[in-house]
Amino acid sequence: MASASNASTSNATATATAAATATPANDDCDGCMQALLQRLGWRIDSQAERGQAMIQAGQPCQRDDLAQAQAAGDLRLSLPRGLTPAQRTRALQAALEDPATRCAYMFALAAATARATAALDANPGYRFTALQLGWIGFGWGGARAQGWQGFRSLGRGYQPAAGNARALDAFYHGRVRSECGVGRQIAQLATQRELYGDAAFDDEFSAGELSIGTFLTLHDTDSILLGAHAGEFFGDGKAVKSSRMGRHAFAGVPGFLVHAFDRITLDDVNNQAQNFVIVDVSPAAYASLHQHGGFAYFDQQNARIWTLARQLRDTGIRDFMPLLQSPAADARAGLESDQQQILARMDALLADPFYRGFRIYVHHRGVQPIAYHVVRMLDRNPRTPYTVSLARHNLHTTLYRRWRDRQLHDCRSGHALAGEPSHADAGR
């Protein structure tokens, strides 16, 4: 009996010691989860003395922004002071895994996308493909002078050589040439830079994970966009699912405008496709997308616009950008009444909020409403209409989880939550 009693006392002492040792770690974990939730916009109430933990997630994905979500009572978590440590941990974990937290992340992702594309757009040295030595042209100084090293011939593949943020600075501030497919990759990677901040961006990703080049090249790398480390993809080509998820579900998502007819109809092969990253979808544009269930309806509208343009071409009109994109009063002066009527029908189709409020970044055209590109293609490739699709992406799956886990890791390591861009005041 004495032996059993001694064993019981020993076990109890060991259990108490383990619990005492674990408490600070648990507190750290809980504190970091709470800090991340609050950073993403959750409001956590710990004033109540007793009661159960309560998550009031709401519908933040359906709000225009975080302020509207909070005003509507979304993203609320009640953690009464009487909760046991285990109950508190479970409640924080449940809030962190709630779909509403992913929606809150989308608000942050939208802001990061806007910063990234604005920085790229502001660099006059980042230009379109011309006569150059490879797929990506880094100028006479070569790739290494701008922080990149090649790993495929003919300039078809590069990765950072001396730091990820420094490599992207070549596109923020340097002189580089590429076509719009690489421009899309750079915008996607720059969004991650803005989301993490430079220090965490350098530390989190390997050079191979930030590979750029032809899309085929990326499949054979560790690329976080299309390679071995991309993880779980979300496929929604015609935006059927995205059009039900809220307007910020589009933020940062890659896509493309592409010719609907056979390649033989192309007059300007350099404009066979317009690779883009979505920067913003206005509330009205999202409402139209939601009403029509995605892009298929607008592919049909694009075809109607193209058909009307063909009718005008038969009357001698060749340049549609000055007539439709930002029409000056004198641009239509002197047109025949039948031409005016056809233009009015095109105006009516382009007046849908989708065309003016769905704003995309295309290298080297900057951030423009999608109408700009639809009309521009009437001039560049008049023998085919264009369709719009989303590319497969991992923004809401692998990259979201990776960013979230990085925030928690840094917090538990005693670092501030990553994500404030350290180069924000660097004169750009």
Protein backbone atom coordinates (compact mmCIF):
# COMPACT_ATOMS: atom_id res chain seq x y z
CA MET A 1 0.00 0.00 0.00
CA ALA A 2 2.83 2.34 0.89
CA SER A 3 4.46 1.63 -2.45
CA ALA A 4 1.25 2.39 -4.33
CA SER A 5 0.79 5.55 -2.34
CA ASN A 6 4.33 6.70 -3.10
CA ALA A 7 3.85 5.97 -6.81
CA SER A 8 0.60 7.93 -6.84
CA THR A 9 2.26 10.89 -5.13
CA SER A 10 5.16 10.74 -7.58
CA ASN A 11 2.82 10.64 -10.57
CA ALA A 12 0.78 13.54 -9.24
CA THR A 13 3.94 15.58 -8.71
CA ALA A 14 5.15 14.80 -12.23
CA THR A 15 1.77 15.75 -13.68
CA ALA A 16 1.72 19.04 -11.78
CA THR A 17 5.27 19.82 -12.91
CA ALA A 18 4.41 19.06 -16.54
CA ALA A 19 1.31 21.21 -16.34
CA ALA A 20 3.27 24.09 -14.84
CA THR A 21 5.90 23.75 -17.55
CA ALA A 22 3.28 23.57 -20.33
CA THR A 23 1.28 26.57 -19.17
CA PRO A 24 3.62 29.26 -20.55
CA ALA A 25 3.80 27.46 -23.90
CA ASN A 26 0.02 27.15 -24.02
CA ASP A 27 -0.30 30.80 -23.06
CA ASP A 28 2.10 31.70 -25.86
CA CYS A 29 0.11 29.66 -28.38
CA ASP A 30 -3.18 31.17 -27.25
CA GLY A 31 -1.70 34.65 -27.22
CA CYS A 32 -0.37 34.27 -30.74
CA MET A 33 -3.64 32.88 -32.08
CA GLN A 34 -5.48 35.76 -30.46
CA ALA A 35 -3.00 38.31 -31.84
CA LEU A 36 -3.38 36.94 -35.36
CA LEU A 37 -7.16 36.91 -35.15
CA GLN A 38 -7.18 40.49 -33.93
CA ARG A 39 -4.79 41.55 -36.65
CA LEU A 40 -7.18 40.10 -39.22
CA GLY A 41 -10.05 42.07 -37.74
CA TRP A 42 -11.64 39.80 -35.16
CA ARG A 43 -12.94 41.62 -32.09
CA ILE A 44 -12.46 39.49 -28.99
CA ASP A 45 -14.50 40.14 -25.85
CA SER A 46 -13.13 38.77 -22.58
CA GLN A 47 -15.19 40.91 -20.23
CA ALA A 48 -17.83 38.35 -19.28
CA GLU A 49 -17.09 36.45 -16.08
CA ARG A 50 -18.92 33.25 -16.98
CA GLY A 51 -20.53 31.57 -19.93
CA GLN A 52 -19.51 29.65 -23.01
CA ALA A 53 -17.15 30.74 -25.75
CA MET A 54 -19.15 32.06 -28.68
CA ILE A 55 -18.08 32.63 -32.28
CA GLN A 56 -20.14 35.11 -34.28
CA ALA A 57 -18.36 34.81 -37.62
CA GLY A 58 -21.03 36.49 -39.74
CA GLN A 59 -20.50 36.85 -43.49
CA PRO A 60 -17.38 38.98 -43.99
CA CYS A 61 -16.85 37.59 -47.50
CA GLN A 62 -20.06 39.33 -48.56
CA ARG A 63 -18.95 42.74 -47.22
CA ASP A 64 -17.21 45.46 -49.17
CA ASP A 65 -14.38 45.78 -46.67
CA LEU A 66 -13.30 44.97 -43.13
CA ALA A 67 -14.90 48.10 -41.68
CA GLN A 68 -18.27 47.12 -43.13
CA ALA A 69 -17.86 43.57 -41.82
CA GLN A 70 -17.15 44.83 -38.33
CA ALA A 71 -20.02 47.32 -38.48
CA ALA A 72 -22.33 44.44 -39.44
CA GLY A 73 -21.26 42.50 -36.34
CA ASP A 74 -19.07 39.97 -38.15
CA LEU A 75 -15.82 38.57 -36.75
CA ARG A 76 -16.77 38.56 -33.07
CA LEU A 77 -15.43 36.10 -30.52
CA SER A 78 -16.52 35.93 -26.88
CA LEU A 79 -14.03 34.37 -24.44
CA PRO A 80 -15.42 34.61 -20.89
CA ARG A 81 -12.78 34.78 -18.16
CA GLY A 82 -14.17 31.65 -16.54
CA LEU A 83 -13.09 29.38 -19.40
CA THR A 84 -10.55 26.70 -18.64
CA PRO A 85 -7.26 26.95 -20.57
CA ALA A 86 -8.32 24.00 -22.73
CA GLN A 87 -11.67 25.62 -23.53
CA ARG A 88 -9.99 28.89 -24.43
CA THR A 89 -7.51 27.13 -26.72
CA ARG A 90 -10.29 25.21 -28.48
CA ALA A 91 -12.28 28.41 -29.03
CA LEU A 92 -9.30 30.25 -30.51
CA GLN A 93 -8.48 27.30 -32.75
CA ALA A 94 -12.09 27.12 -33.93
CA ALA A 95 -12.08 30.83 -34.80
CA LEU A 96 -8.77 30.48 -36.62
CA GLU A 97 -10.14 27.60 -38.71
CA ASP A 98 -13.48 29.32 -39.36
CA PRO A 99 -14.06 30.26 -43.05
CA ALA A 100 -14.62 33.84 -41.89
CA THR A 101 -10.93 34.08 -40.99
CA ARG A 102 -10.01 33.19 -44.56
CA CYS A 103 -12.36 35.97 -45.68
CA ALA A 104 -10.58 38.40 -43.37
CA TYR A 105 -7.26 37.30 -44.89
CA MET A 106 -8.69 38.15 -48.31
CA PHE A 107 -9.03 41.78 -47.20
CA ALA A 108 -5.31 41.79 -46.37
CA LEU A 109 -4.54 40.02 -49.64
CA ALA A 110 -6.46 42.66 -51.61
CA ALA A 111 -4.43 45.44 -50.00
CA ALA A 112 -1.17 43.60 -50.70
CA THR A 113 -2.15 43.10 -54.35
CA ALA A 114 -2.92 46.80 -54.72
CA ARG A 115 0.47 47.76 -53.26
CA ALA A 116 2.35 45.26 -55.41
CA THR A 117 0.75 46.22 -58.71
CA ALA A 118 1.05 49.94 -57.95
CA ALA A 119 4.79 49.48 -57.36
CA LEU A 120 5.26 47.55 -60.61
CA ASP A 121 3.14 50.02 -62.56
CA ALA A 122 5.19 52.93 -61.19
CA ASN A 123 8.47 51.57 -62.60
CA PRO A 124 9.03 52.92 -66.14
CA GLY A 125 12.07 50.65 -66.39
CA TYR A 126 9.95 47.49 -66.37
CA ARG A 127 8.98 47.25 -70.00
CA PHE A 128 7.53 44.82 -72.51
CA THR A 129 9.52 42.30 -74.53
CA ALA A 130 11.62 43.72 -77.37
CA LEU A 131 14.88 42.69 -79.02
CA GLN A 132 16.65 40.94 -76.15
CA LEU A 133 18.91 37.99 -75.44
CA GLY A 134 16.35 35.77 -73.71
CA TRP A 135 12.77 35.27 -72.61
CA ILE A 136 13.41 37.78 -69.83
CA GLY A 137 15.79 40.64 -70.58
CA PHE A 138 17.86 42.02 -67.71
CA GLY A 139 19.88 44.38 -69.90
CA TRP A 140 23.59 44.58 -70.61
CA GLY A 141 24.52 44.12 -66.96
CA GLY A 142 22.91 40.70 -66.95
CA ALA A 143 20.64 38.93 -64.50
CA ARG A 144 23.11 38.67 -61.61
CA ALA A 145 23.57 42.42 -61.49
CA GLN A 146 19.87 42.67 -60.68
CA GLY A 147 19.72 39.81 -58.19
CA TRP A 148 18.75 36.85 -60.41
CA GLN A 149 20.49 33.75 -61.74
CA GLY A 150 19.45 31.69 -64.74
CA PHE A 151 18.82 27.96 -64.64
CA ARG A 152 17.31 27.40 -68.10
CA SER A 153 18.77 28.26 -71.49
CA LEU A 154 17.54 31.19 -73.59
CA GLY A 155 16.44 33.06 -70.49
CA ARG A 156 13.49 30.73 -69.91
CA GLY A 157 14.08 30.30 -66.17
CA TYR A 158 15.51 32.42 -63.35
CA GLN A 159 15.54 32.37 -59.57
CA PRO A 160 16.72 34.89 -56.95
CA ALA A 161 20.49 34.92 -56.49
CA ALA A 162 20.98 37.12 -53.42
CA GLY A 163 17.75 37.54 -51.53
CA ASN A 164 14.13 37.41 -52.59
CA ALA A 165 13.22 41.03 -51.90
CA ARG A 166 16.33 42.28 -53.69
CA ALA A 167 15.44 40.17 -56.72
CA LEU A 168 11.95 41.66 -56.90
CA ASP A 169 13.45 45.13 -56.58
CA ALA A 170 14.69 44.63 -60.14
CA PHE A 171 11.06 44.82 -61.23
CA TYR A 172 10.14 47.54 -58.73
CA HIS A 173 13.04 49.87 -59.56
CA GLY A 174 15.33 48.31 -62.19
CA ARG A 175 15.35 47.92 -65.95
CA VAL A 176 13.87 44.62 -67.13
CA ARG A 177 11.88 43.43 -70.13
CA SER A 178 9.40 40.57 -70.26
CA GLU A 179 6.10 39.56 -71.79
CA CYS A 180 2.85 39.65 -69.81
CA GLY A 181 3.03 36.03 -68.65
CA VAL A 182 6.17 36.77 -66.65
CA GLY A 183 4.54 40.05 -65.63
CA ARG A 184 1.72 38.05 -64.09
CA GLN A 185 4.17 35.84 -62.19
CA ILE A 186 6.01 38.89 -60.86
CA ALA A 187 2.75 40.48 -59.71
CA GLN A 188 1.83 37.27 -57.89
CA LEU A 189 5.22 37.05 -56.17
CA ALA A 190 5.22 40.77 -55.38
CA THR A 191 1.86 40.32 -53.66
CA GLN A 192 3.45 37.73 -51.37
CA ARG A 193 6.30 40.14 -50.69
CA GLU A 194 3.84 42.84 -49.68
CA LEU A 195 1.87 40.39 -47.56
CA TYR A 196 4.91 39.13 -45.63
CA GLY A 197 7.22 42.13 -45.53
CA ASP A 198 10.78 41.89 -46.80
CA ALA A 199 12.46 40.13 -43.87
CA ALA A 200 9.89 37.33 -43.61
CA PHE A 201 9.64 37.10 -47.41
CA ASP A 202 13.39 36.47 -47.62
CA ASP A 203 13.30 33.92 -44.81
CA GLU A 204 10.13 32.03 -45.71
CA PHE A 205 10.74 31.15 -49.35
CA SER A 206 13.66 29.41 -51.02
CA ALA A 207 15.08 30.76 -54.26
CA GLY A 208 13.61 27.85 -56.21
CA GLU A 209 10.14 28.60 -54.86
CA LEU A 210 10.29 32.03 -56.49
CA SER A 211 11.33 30.79 -59.92
CA ILE A 212 10.15 32.81 -62.93
CA GLY A 213 10.17 32.04 -66.64
CA THR A 214 7.93 30.28 -69.11
CA PHE A 215 4.90 28.63 -67.55
CA LEU A 216 6.18 25.23 -68.72
CA THR A 217 9.48 25.88 -66.96
CA LEU A 218 7.77 26.53 -63.63
CA HIS A 219 6.20 23.07 -63.57
CA ASP A 220 9.68 21.53 -63.22
CA THR A 221 10.71 23.74 -60.28
CA ASP A 222 9.80 24.23 -56.62
CA SER A 223 7.69 27.25 -57.65
CA ILE A 224 4.96 28.25 -55.20
CA LEU A 225 2.89 29.30 -58.23
CA LEU A 226 2.92 26.21 -60.44
CA GLY A 227 5.68 23.90 -59.24
CA ALA A 228 6.30 21.23 -56.63
CA HIS A 229 5.60 23.54 -53.68
CA ALA A 230 2.38 25.02 -55.02
CA GLY A 231 0.34 22.49 -53.06
CA GLU A 232 -3.44 22.53 -53.34
CA PHE A 233 -4.94 24.33 -56.33
CA PHE A 234 -8.35 25.96 -56.57
CA GLY A 235 -9.77 25.62 -60.08
CA ASP A 236 -12.59 27.92 -61.14
CA GLY A 237 -11.96 28.85 -64.76
CA LYS A 238 -15.26 30.60 -65.42
CA ALA A 239 -15.54 32.01 -61.89
CA VAL A 240 -18.74 30.11 -61.13
CA LYS A 241 -17.66 29.42 -57.54
CA SER A 242 -15.82 32.71 -57.04
CA SER A 243 -18.88 34.69 -58.10
CA ARG A 244 -20.65 33.28 -55.02
CA MET A 245 -17.79 33.86 -52.58
CA GLY A 246 -17.74 37.66 -52.34
CA ARG A 247 -15.86 40.27 -54.30
CA HIS A 248 -12.61 39.91 -52.35
CA ALA A 249 -12.41 36.26 -53.38
CA PHE A 250 -11.08 37.65 -56.68
CA ALA A 251 -8.29 39.76 -55.14
CA GLY A 252 -4.86 38.75 -56.36
CA VAL A 253 -6.22 35.88 -58.46
CA PRO A 254 -4.42 35.25 -61.78
CA GLY A 255 -6.26 34.89 -65.06
CA PHE A 256 -6.15 35.57 -68.76
CA LEU A 257 -8.02 36.98 -71.72
CA VAL A 258 -7.45 34.72 -74.72
CA HIS A 259 -8.57 34.53 -78.35
CA ALA A 260 -11.76 32.51 -78.82
CA PHE A 261 -11.07 31.44 -82.40
CA ASP A 262 -8.19 29.46 -83.87
CA ARG A 263 -4.67 30.88 -83.72
CA ILE A 264 -4.77 31.39 -87.49
CA THR A 265 -7.12 34.33 -86.92
CA LEU A 266 -4.46 36.27 -85.01
CA ASP A 267 -2.96 39.32 -86.68
CA ASP A 268 -0.85 40.29 -83.66
CA VAL A 269 0.50 37.13 -82.05
CA ASN A 270 2.09 39.16 -79.23
CA ASN A 271 -1.45 39.92 -78.08
CA GLN A 272 -2.87 36.42 -78.37
CA ALA A 273 -3.52 36.53 -74.61
CA GLN A 274 -3.53 39.08 -71.83
CA ASN A 275 -2.25 37.52 -68.61
CA PHE A 276 -3.51 39.39 -65.58
CA VAL A 277 -3.83 39.59 -61.82
CA ILE A 278 -7.11 40.91 -60.45
CA VAL A 279 -6.61 44.06 -58.40
CA ASP A 280 -10.15 45.10 -57.55
CA VAL A 281 -13.77 44.17 -58.20
CA SER A 282 -16.20 46.96 -57.38
CA PRO A 283 -19.40 46.11 -55.50
CA ALA A 284 -21.43 46.76 -58.66
CA ALA A 285 -19.11 44.61 -60.78
CA TYR A 286 -19.34 41.79 -58.27
CA ALA A 287 -23.13 42.08 -58.17
CA SER A 288 -23.18 41.63 -61.95
CA LEU A 289 -20.82 38.65 -61.78
CA HIS A 290 -22.93 37.13 -59.02
CA GLN A 291 -26.15 37.69 -60.96
CA HIS A 292 -24.77 36.09 -64.13
CA GLY A 293 -22.91 33.25 -62.42
CA GLY A 294 -19.39 34.07 -63.58
CA PHE A 295 -17.61 34.75 -66.85
CA ALA A 296 -19.57 32.65 -69.37
CA TYR A 297 -22.20 35.36 -69.78
CA PHE A 298 -19.51 37.97 -70.41
CA ASP A 299 -17.80 35.75 -72.98
CA GLN A 300 -21.09 35.94 -74.88
CA GLN A 301 -21.18 39.71 -74.40
CA ASN A 302 -17.62 39.97 -75.70
CA ALA A 303 -18.71 38.08 -78.81
CA ARG A 304 -21.61 40.51 -79.30
CA ILE A 305 -19.28 43.48 -78.94
CA TRP A 306 -16.92 41.89 -81.47
CA THR A 307 -19.77 41.24 -83.93
CA LEU A 308 -20.84 44.88 -83.74
CA ALA A 309 -17.23 45.96 -84.27
CA ARG A 310 -17.09 43.86 -87.43
CA GLN A 311 -20.16 45.66 -88.72
CA LEU A 312 -18.43 48.99 -88.12
CA ARG A 313 -15.27 47.76 -89.81
CA ASP A 314 -17.33 47.10 -92.90
CA THR A 315 -18.16 50.82 -92.91
CA GLY A 316 -14.49 51.83 -92.73
CA ILE A 317 -13.91 52.24 -88.98
CA ARG A 318 -10.60 50.73 -87.83
CA ASP A 319 -9.64 52.23 -84.45
CA PHE A 320 -11.96 51.47 -81.55
CA MET A 321 -9.91 52.66 -78.57
CA PRO A 322 -10.57 56.39 -79.17
CA LEU A 323 -14.24 55.65 -79.87
CA LEU A 324 -15.04 53.37 -76.95
CA GLN A 325 -12.46 53.49 -74.18
CA SER A 326 -12.29 57.22 -73.39
CA PRO A 327 -14.29 58.75 -76.21
CA ALA A 328 -13.74 62.46 -76.78
CA ALA A 329 -16.61 64.43 -78.23
CA ASP A 330 -14.81 64.96 -81.54
CA ALA A 331 -13.87 61.27 -81.89
CA ARG A 332 -17.38 60.45 -83.09
CA ALA A 333 -18.01 63.69 -84.93
CA GLY A 334 -18.89 63.15 -88.55
CA LEU A 335 -19.94 59.51 -88.17
CA GLU A 336 -23.01 58.40 -90.05
CA SER A 337 -26.21 57.80 -88.09
CA ASP A 338 -26.05 54.04 -88.64
CA GLN A 339 -22.49 54.03 -87.28
CA GLN A 340 -23.62 56.05 -84.28
CA GLN A 341 -26.39 53.54 -83.63
CA ILE A 342 -23.98 50.60 -83.66
CA LEU A 343 -21.62 52.45 -81.33
CA ALA A 344 -24.53 53.14 -79.00
CA ARG A 345 -25.25 49.41 -78.85
CA MET A 346 -21.60 48.74 -78.03
CA ASP A 347 -21.71 51.46 -75.37
CA ALA A 348 -24.73 49.77 -73.82
CA LEU A 349 -22.96 46.41 -73.61
CA LEU A 350 -19.81 47.96 -72.14
CA ALA A 351 -21.88 49.90 -69.61
CA ASP A 352 -22.33 46.74 -67.55
CA PRO A 353 -20.54 47.38 -64.23
CA PHE A 354 -18.38 44.32 -64.83
CA TYR A 355 -16.55 45.98 -67.69
CA ARG A 356 -15.70 49.14 -65.75
CA GLY A 357 -15.37 47.77 -62.22
CA PHE A 358 -13.39 44.57 -62.81
CA ARG A 359 -9.87 46.01 -62.65
CA ILE A 360 -6.84 43.96 -63.62
CA TYR A 361 -3.08 44.41 -63.79
CA VAL A 362 -1.52 43.45 -67.12
CA HIS A 363 2.16 44.09 -67.79
CA HIS A 364 2.90 46.62 -69.24
CA ARG A 365 -0.54 48.24 -69.40
CA GLY A 366 -0.82 48.78 -65.66
CA VAL A 367 -4.11 48.56 -63.79
CA GLN A 368 -7.07 49.01 -66.11
CA PRO A 369 -10.74 47.98 -66.22
CA ILE A 370 -11.25 44.85 -68.26
CA ALA A 371 -13.18 46.91 -70.83
CA TYR A 372 -9.87 48.53 -71.78
CA HIS A 373 -8.46 45.18 -72.90
CA VAL A 374 -11.64 43.96 -74.57
CA VAL A 375 -11.73 47.12 -76.68
CA ARG A 376 -7.99 47.10 -77.32
CA MET A 377 -8.19 43.57 -78.72
CA LEU A 378 -10.77 44.80 -81.25
CA ASP A 379 -7.90 46.81 -82.70
CA ARG A 380 -5.03 44.35 -82.23
CA ASN A 381 -6.77 41.13 -83.31
CA PRO A 382 -10.00 42.08 -85.07
CA ARG A 383 -10.70 38.60 -86.46
CA THR A 384 -11.47 36.92 -83.13
CA PRO A 385 -13.40 37.74 -79.96
CA TYR A 386 -11.79 37.14 -76.58
CA THR A 387 -12.84 35.09 -73.57
CA VAL A 388 -11.85 35.54 -69.93
CA SER A 389 -10.85 32.83 -67.45
CA LEU A 390 -9.28 32.46 -64.04
CA ALA A 391 -6.08 30.44 -63.80
CA ARG A 392 -5.69 27.73 -61.18
CA HIS A 393 -4.30 29.24 -58.01
CA ASN A 394 -3.48 28.44 -54.39
CA LEU A 395 -4.05 31.85 -52.76
CA HIS A 396 -6.85 30.56 -50.53
CA THR A 397 -5.37 27.13 -49.88
CA THR A 398 -1.62 26.46 -49.61
CA LEU A 399 -0.42 30.06 -49.64
CA TYR A 400 -3.04 31.11 -47.09
CA ARG A 401 -2.12 28.31 -44.70
CA ARG A 402 1.56 28.99 -45.18
CA TRP A 403 1.15 32.70 -44.41
CA ARG A 404 -1.01 31.93 -41.37
CA ASP A 405 1.47 29.40 -40.02
CA ARG A 406 4.34 31.83 -40.54
CA GLN A 407 2.56 34.48 -38.49
CA LEU A 408 2.06 32.03 -35.63
CA HIS A 409 5.64 30.75 -35.84
CA ASP A 410 7.10 34.25 -35.72
CA CYS A 411 4.89 35.20 -32.80
CA ARG A 412 5.86 32.12 -30.80
CA SER A 413 9.51 32.86 -31.56
CA GLY A 414 9.15 36.27 -30.00
CA HIS A 415 8.98 38.24 -33.24
CA ALA A 416 6.30 40.70 -34.24
CA LEU A 417 3.73 39.37 -36.68
CA ALA A 418 5.21 39.62 -40.17
CA GLY A 419 3.58 41.47 -42.97
CA GLU A 420 4.23 45.18 -42.70
CA PRO A 421 6.31 45.96 -45.82
CA SER A 422 9.69 47.13 -44.59
CA HIS A 423 10.32 48.93 -47.87
CA ALA A 424 7.12 50.96 -47.68
CA ASP A 425 9.02 54.17 -46.95
CA ALA A 426 11.86 53.47 -49.34
CA GLY A 427 10.91 56.27 -51.69
CA ARG A 428 8.47 54.49 -53.91
